[in-house]
């Protein structure tokens, strides 16, 4: 049976994964290894945001790291060719806010639209592909994603009117006006480069992503997609959330027999690599069981729902 092929990318959008930072909330674990290289069950953490961008149809990605970790990321991911992709790398000297990724990646972005994924965010859901495709297809403006949480004061918070129109966005408010947190995934048109260059440092000494999103809101160019029931958004930045994410992935994979956040499978199903390419990727991984799963795909055990 032929592998199921999704549509080709819908735009010239490129991707950025922000995998820098010091991981202070996970020390002492992160004294010797980047947070985004730590395992979430059976895969490095960075595989999950990478898979999210792949499911959006994005093939060219800039991976931003701290200088001392960059070689480790290159050993893990290479240049992307093995997955039919292209990876570029850049260094973040100091963590100064999410919009800093746009300034660092200005030359990489060029005339393209962009999607930014935080390296410690994990998304899962049956309708995730359609949601991502919708965001990727928008040629003008920005798209962010909101998720209902119990502790909105920890995040950027979006407030809606009764007609679901966005009223405001606040960064970590002491008294949140809603329980909808903004997740670590952002789609922007190319005007984001000019907008990011206008940002000023906040009292926290950061370029604030909320300030950038508010620019789009003021111009009535901000789209907000709500990830409702049936979606999971996990931020793996603490000991507890890292453990919970690993348990979540383990439960799903063992129950369904399908991998979550598997770049090899996604690239194959999208038609970016062929059957022989997948076999070549699988063979060195068979002793861990990961490679055996990839080989089973070639034997016909394929599911259209198995590429989240």
Protein backbone atom coordinates (compact mmCIF):
# COMPACT_ATOMS: atom_id res chain seq x y z
CA UNK A 1 0.00 0.00 0.00
CA UNK A 2 1.33 3.42 -0.94
CA UNK A 3 2.15 5.85 1.85
CA UNK A 4 -0.49 8.51 2.45
CA UNK A 5 0.67 11.86 1.11
CA UNK A 6 -0.48 15.19 2.46
CA UNK A 7 -0.55 18.38 0.41
CA UNK A 8 2.65 20.23 -0.33
CA UNK A 9 3.40 23.40 1.70
CA UNK A 10 0.71 26.05 1.20
CA UNK A 11 3.06 29.05 1.28
CA UNK A 12 6.68 30.08 1.33
CA UNK A 13 6.57 30.17 5.13
CA UNK A 14 9.72 29.26 7.01
CA UNK A 15 9.99 28.08 10.60
CA UNK A 16 12.02 29.04 13.65
CA UNK A 17 12.47 26.88 16.73
CA UNK A 18 13.65 28.84 19.75
CA UNK A 19 15.81 26.36 21.65
CA UNK A 20 18.09 28.72 23.52
CA UNK A 21 17.75 29.91 27.08
CA UNK A 22 19.40 28.58 30.20
CA UNK A 23 16.71 26.18 31.46
CA UNK A 24 16.98 27.54 34.99
CA UNK A 25 13.73 25.91 36.10
CA UNK A 26 15.18 22.47 35.33
CA UNK A 27 18.54 22.78 37.07
CA UNK A 28 20.64 20.81 37.96
CA UNK A 29 19.53 18.75 34.92
CA UNK A 30 20.29 21.57 32.52
CA UNK A 31 23.79 22.36 33.77
CA UNK A 32 25.20 19.89 31.25
CA UNK A 33 22.51 19.54 28.58
CA UNK A 34 20.07 21.81 26.81
CA UNK A 35 16.48 21.48 27.99
CA UNK A 36 15.34 20.90 24.41
CA UNK A 37 17.64 17.88 24.09
CA UNK A 38 16.17 16.17 27.14
CA UNK A 39 13.82 13.22 26.59
CA UNK A 40 10.06 13.40 26.50
CA UNK A 41 9.45 9.65 26.75
CA UNK A 42 11.17 8.17 23.66
CA UNK A 43 12.26 11.29 21.77
CA UNK A 44 14.29 14.45 22.36
CA UNK A 45 12.07 17.35 23.35
CA UNK A 46 12.87 19.31 20.19
CA UNK A 47 11.27 16.60 18.02
CA UNK A 48 7.83 17.76 19.16
CA UNK A 49 7.94 21.43 18.05
CA UNK A 50 9.82 20.29 14.97
CA UNK A 51 6.96 17.91 14.16
CA UNK A 52 4.44 20.70 14.68
CA UNK A 53 6.15 22.84 12.06
CA UNK A 54 6.41 19.87 9.71
CA UNK A 55 2.69 19.19 10.03
CA UNK A 56 2.17 22.83 9.04
CA UNK A 57 3.94 22.06 5.75
CA UNK A 58 7.15 23.90 6.65
CA UNK A 59 10.37 22.41 5.30
CA UNK A 60 13.00 25.09 6.01
CA UNK A 61 13.71 25.79 9.68
CA UNK A 62 16.13 27.92 11.69
CA UNK A 63 17.12 26.40 15.03
CA UNK A 64 18.28 28.98 17.56
CA UNK A 65 20.45 27.70 20.43
CA UNK A 66 23.03 28.94 22.89
CA UNK A 67 26.57 28.69 21.55
CA UNK A 68 27.76 25.82 23.74
CA UNK A 69 24.82 23.59 22.78
CA UNK A 70 24.77 24.14 19.03
CA UNK A 71 27.07 21.24 18.11
CA UNK A 72 24.86 18.83 20.08
CA UNK A 73 21.82 19.95 18.10
CA UNK A 74 23.75 19.58 14.85
CA UNK A 75 24.75 16.02 15.81
CA UNK A 76 21.13 15.16 16.50
CA UNK A 77 19.42 16.89 13.58
CA UNK A 78 22.08 17.51 10.95
CA UNK A 79 21.17 19.70 8.01
CA UNK A 80 17.65 18.24 7.72
CA UNK A 81 18.34 16.46 4.44
CA UNK A 82 17.61 13.03 5.91
CA UNK A 83 14.00 14.18 6.42
CA UNK A 84 13.75 16.04 3.10
CA UNK A 85 14.15 19.36 4.90
CA UNK A 86 16.69 22.14 5.35
CA UNK A 87 17.94 23.21 8.77
CA UNK A 88 19.88 26.36 9.55
CA UNK A 89 21.40 27.27 12.90
CA UNK A 90 21.93 30.51 14.78
CA UNK A 91 23.19 31.49 18.23
CA UNK A 92 21.29 33.38 20.92
CA UNK A 93 23.84 35.09 23.16
CA UNK A 94 21.31 36.16 25.80
CA UNK A 95 17.64 35.23 26.23
CA UNK A 96 15.84 38.55 25.70
CA UNK A 97 12.33 37.54 24.72
CA UNK A 98 10.66 35.54 21.97
CA UNK A 99 10.72 38.37 19.37
CA UNK A 100 14.51 38.26 19.60
CA UNK A 101 14.25 35.14 17.43
CA UNK A 102 12.93 37.33 14.60
CA UNK A 103 15.84 39.75 14.89
CA UNK A 104 18.36 36.91 15.03
CA UNK A 105 16.69 35.25 12.05
CA UNK A 106 16.13 38.38 9.97
CA UNK A 107 18.44 37.27 7.17
CA UNK A 108 17.04 33.73 7.25
CA UNK A 109 13.45 35.03 7.01
CA UNK A 110 14.14 37.27 4.03
CA UNK A 111 10.89 37.84 2.15
CA UNK A 112 9.14 34.82 3.64
CA UNK A 113 6.37 34.52 6.17
CA UNK A 114 7.37 32.83 9.42
CA UNK A 115 6.16 30.47 12.13
CA UNK A 116 7.87 30.42 15.53
CA UNK A 117 7.67 27.40 17.82
CA UNK A 118 9.08 27.37 21.33
CA UNK A 119 11.39 24.41 21.81
CA UNK A 120 9.67 23.18 24.98
CA UNK A 121 6.04 23.17 23.75
CA UNK A 122 4.18 20.02 22.74
CA UNK A 123 0.88 19.94 20.84
CA UNK A 124 -1.43 17.01 20.17
CA UNK A 125 -4.93 16.70 18.75
CA UNK A 126 -7.01 14.95 16.13
CA UNK A 127 -7.69 18.20 14.24
CA UNK A 128 -4.22 19.65 14.73
CA UNK A 129 -3.24 19.34 11.06
CA UNK A 130 -6.28 21.27 9.82
CA UNK A 131 -5.71 23.97 12.43
CA UNK A 132 -2.08 24.35 11.42
CA UNK A 133 -2.91 24.30 7.71
CA UNK A 134 -5.46 27.06 8.23
CA UNK A 135 -2.88 29.22 9.99
CA UNK A 136 -0.27 28.52 7.34
CA UNK A 137 -2.63 29.46 4.50
CA UNK A 138 -3.19 33.02 5.76
CA UNK A 139 -1.14 35.41 3.66
CA UNK A 140 -1.75 38.54 5.73
CA UNK A 141 -1.56 39.10 9.47
CA UNK A 142 -0.75 36.74 12.31
CA UNK A 143 -2.26 33.67 13.94
CA UNK A 144 -1.80 32.68 17.56
CA UNK A 145 -3.35 29.80 19.49
CA UNK A 146 -5.27 30.00 22.76
CA UNK A 147 -5.78 27.20 25.26
CA UNK A 148 -7.95 27.05 28.40
CA UNK A 149 -5.82 26.70 31.56
CA UNK A 150 -6.31 26.79 35.33
CA UNK A 151 -3.35 29.10 35.95
CA UNK A 152 -3.56 31.86 33.31
CA UNK A 153 -1.45 34.24 35.41
CA UNK A 154 1.62 32.26 34.27
CA UNK A 155 1.07 33.08 30.60
CA UNK A 156 0.08 35.70 28.10
CA UNK A 157 -3.71 35.86 28.32
CA UNK A 158 -6.21 36.68 25.58
CA UNK A 159 -9.63 38.15 26.39
CA UNK A 160 -12.59 37.62 24.06
CA UNK A 161 -15.91 39.39 23.64
CA UNK A 162 -19.15 37.40 23.65
CA UNK A 163 -18.82 37.12 19.87
CA UNK A 164 -15.31 35.65 20.24
CA UNK A 165 -13.62 38.83 19.02
CA UNK A 166 -10.26 39.51 20.67
CA UNK A 167 -10.46 42.43 23.07
CA UNK A 168 -7.03 42.40 24.70
CA UNK A 169 -3.82 40.48 25.30
CA UNK A 170 -1.96 40.81 28.59
CA UNK A 171 1.37 39.34 29.66
CA UNK A 172 1.23 37.34 32.92
CA UNK A 173 -1.49 39.49 34.51
CA UNK A 174 -1.98 39.34 38.29
CA UNK A 175 -5.74 39.38 37.73
CA UNK A 176 -6.38 37.60 34.40
CA UNK A 177 -9.47 38.66 32.45
CA UNK A 178 -9.86 35.17 31.00
CA UNK A 179 -8.45 31.67 31.36
CA UNK A 180 -7.25 31.46 27.76
CA UNK A 181 -3.46 31.28 27.64
CA UNK A 182 -1.46 31.97 24.50
CA UNK A 183 0.59 28.93 23.54
CA UNK A 184 4.16 28.83 22.28
CA UNK A 185 3.30 28.76 18.57
CA UNK A 186 3.03 31.89 16.42
CA UNK A 187 2.39 32.43 12.69
CA UNK A 188 3.32 35.83 11.21
CA UNK A 189 3.40 37.46 7.82
CA UNK A 190 6.63 39.07 6.64
CA UNK A 191 5.78 42.43 8.19
CA UNK A 192 6.79 40.87 11.53
CA UNK A 193 10.43 41.76 10.84
CA UNK A 194 9.68 45.47 10.64
CA UNK A 195 7.33 45.25 13.62
CA UNK A 196 9.90 43.42 15.77
CA UNK A 197 12.50 46.09 15.03
CA UNK A 198 10.18 48.69 16.58
CA UNK A 199 9.84 46.89 19.91
CA UNK A 200 11.34 48.38 23.06
CA UNK A 201 12.66 46.43 26.02
CA UNK A 202 10.17 46.01 28.83
CA UNK A 203 10.77 46.42 32.56
CA UNK A 204 11.74 42.72 32.51
CA UNK A 205 14.57 43.60 30.08
CA UNK A 206 12.89 41.59 27.34
CA UNK A 207 11.29 42.14 23.97
CA UNK A 208 7.75 41.03 24.77
CA UNK A 209 5.82 38.75 22.43
CA UNK A 210 2.61 40.27 23.82
CA UNK A 211 3.70 43.70 22.57
CA UNK A 212 4.30 42.23 19.12
CA UNK A 213 0.91 40.52 19.08
CA UNK A 214 -0.75 43.74 20.20
CA UNK A 215 0.68 45.49 17.14
CA UNK A 216 -1.24 43.05 14.96
CA UNK A 217 -4.32 43.41 17.16
CA UNK A 218 -4.29 47.20 16.81
CA UNK A 219 -4.12 46.81 13.02
CA UNK A 220 -6.98 44.24 13.12
CA UNK A 221 -4.64 41.62 11.69
CA UNK A 222 -4.56 39.23 14.63
CA UNK A 223 -6.24 35.83 14.28
CA UNK A 224 -6.70 33.62 17.33
CA UNK A 225 -7.42 29.91 16.97
CA UNK A 226 -8.83 28.26 20.09
CA UNK A 227 -7.53 24.80 20.91
CA UNK A 228 -10.57 23.35 22.61
CA UNK A 229 -11.45 19.92 23.94
CA UNK A 230 -9.60 17.19 22.14
CA UNK A 231 -6.35 19.15 22.05
CA UNK A 232 -3.41 18.88 24.42
CA UNK A 233 -0.85 21.62 24.94
CA UNK A 234 2.04 20.82 27.26
CA UNK A 235 4.78 23.23 28.33
CA UNK A 236 7.69 21.07 29.48
CA UNK A 237 9.61 23.75 31.34
CA UNK A 238 9.37 22.38 34.90
CA UNK A 239 10.17 19.04 36.54
CA UNK A 240 6.51 18.19 36.96
CA UNK A 241 5.44 19.26 33.47
CA UNK A 242 8.35 17.38 31.91
CA UNK A 243 7.35 14.21 33.75
CA UNK A 244 3.68 14.71 32.87
CA UNK A 245 4.51 15.18 29.19
CA UNK A 246 6.55 11.96 29.13
CA UNK A 247 3.73 10.06 30.83
CA UNK A 248 1.20 11.51 28.39
CA UNK A 249 3.22 10.44 25.34
CA UNK A 250 3.92 7.02 26.83
CA UNK A 251 0.24 6.40 27.50
CA UNK A 252 -0.82 7.47 24.01
CA UNK A 253 1.84 5.49 22.19
CA UNK A 254 1.42 2.30 24.21
CA UNK A 255 -2.37 2.47 23.96
CA UNK A 256 -2.59 3.21 20.23
CA UNK A 257 0.64 1.75 18.91
CA UNK A 258 1.30 5.03 17.09
CA UNK A 259 4.14 7.47 17.54
CA UNK A 260 3.54 11.10 18.50
CA UNK A 261 6.01 13.71 17.23
CA UNK A 262 7.93 11.32 14.95
CA UNK A 263 9.73 13.39 12.25
CA UNK A 264 10.69 10.34 10.19
CA UNK A 265 7.09 9.21 9.84
CA UNK A 266 5.77 12.70 9.14
CA UNK A 267 8.38 13.32 6.43
CA UNK A 268 7.51 9.97 4.83
CA UNK A 269 3.77 10.53 4.92
CA UNK A 270 4.18 14.00 3.46
CA UNK A 271 6.18 12.54 0.60
CA UNK A 272 9.37 14.41 1.52
CA UNK A 273 11.25 11.08 1.74
CA UNK A 274 10.54 7.76 0.05
CA UNK A 275 10.25 4.18 1.34
CA UNK A 276 13.97 3.47 0.98
CA UNK A 277 14.83 6.66 2.82
CA UNK A 278 12.58 5.60 5.70
CA UNK A 279 14.18 2.17 5.82
CA UNK A 280 17.64 3.73 5.92
CA UNK A 281 16.56 5.88 8.86
CA UNK A 282 14.98 2.92 10.64
CA UNK A 283 17.81 0.39 10.40
CA UNK A 284 20.18 2.03 12.94
CA UNK A 285 17.32 2.43 15.43
CA UNK A 286 15.86 -1.07 15.57
CA UNK A 287 17.32 -2.07 18.93
CA UNK A 288 15.47 0.75 20.70
CA UNK A 289 12.13 -0.21 19.17
CA UNK A 290 11.87 3.18 17.48
CA UNK A 291 13.29 1.78 14.26
CA UNK A 292 11.02 -1.26 14.43
CA UNK A 293 8.03 1.07 14.45
CA UNK A 294 9.29 2.78 11.29
CA UNK A 295 9.80 -0.56 9.57
CA UNK A 296 6.26 -1.61 10.45
CA UNK A 297 5.01 1.43 8.57
CA UNK A 298 6.64 0.02 5.45
CA UNK A 299 5.01 -3.33 6.09
CA UNK A 300 1.58 -1.75 5.74
CA UNK A 301 0.67 -0.92 9.34
CA UNK A 302 -0.28 2.65 8.44
CA UNK A 303 -2.92 4.95 9.85
CA UNK A 304 -4.04 8.35 8.64
CA UNK A 305 -4.40 9.38 12.29
CA UNK A 306 -0.88 8.43 13.19
CA UNK A 307 1.05 11.54 12.21
CA UNK A 308 0.25 13.91 15.07
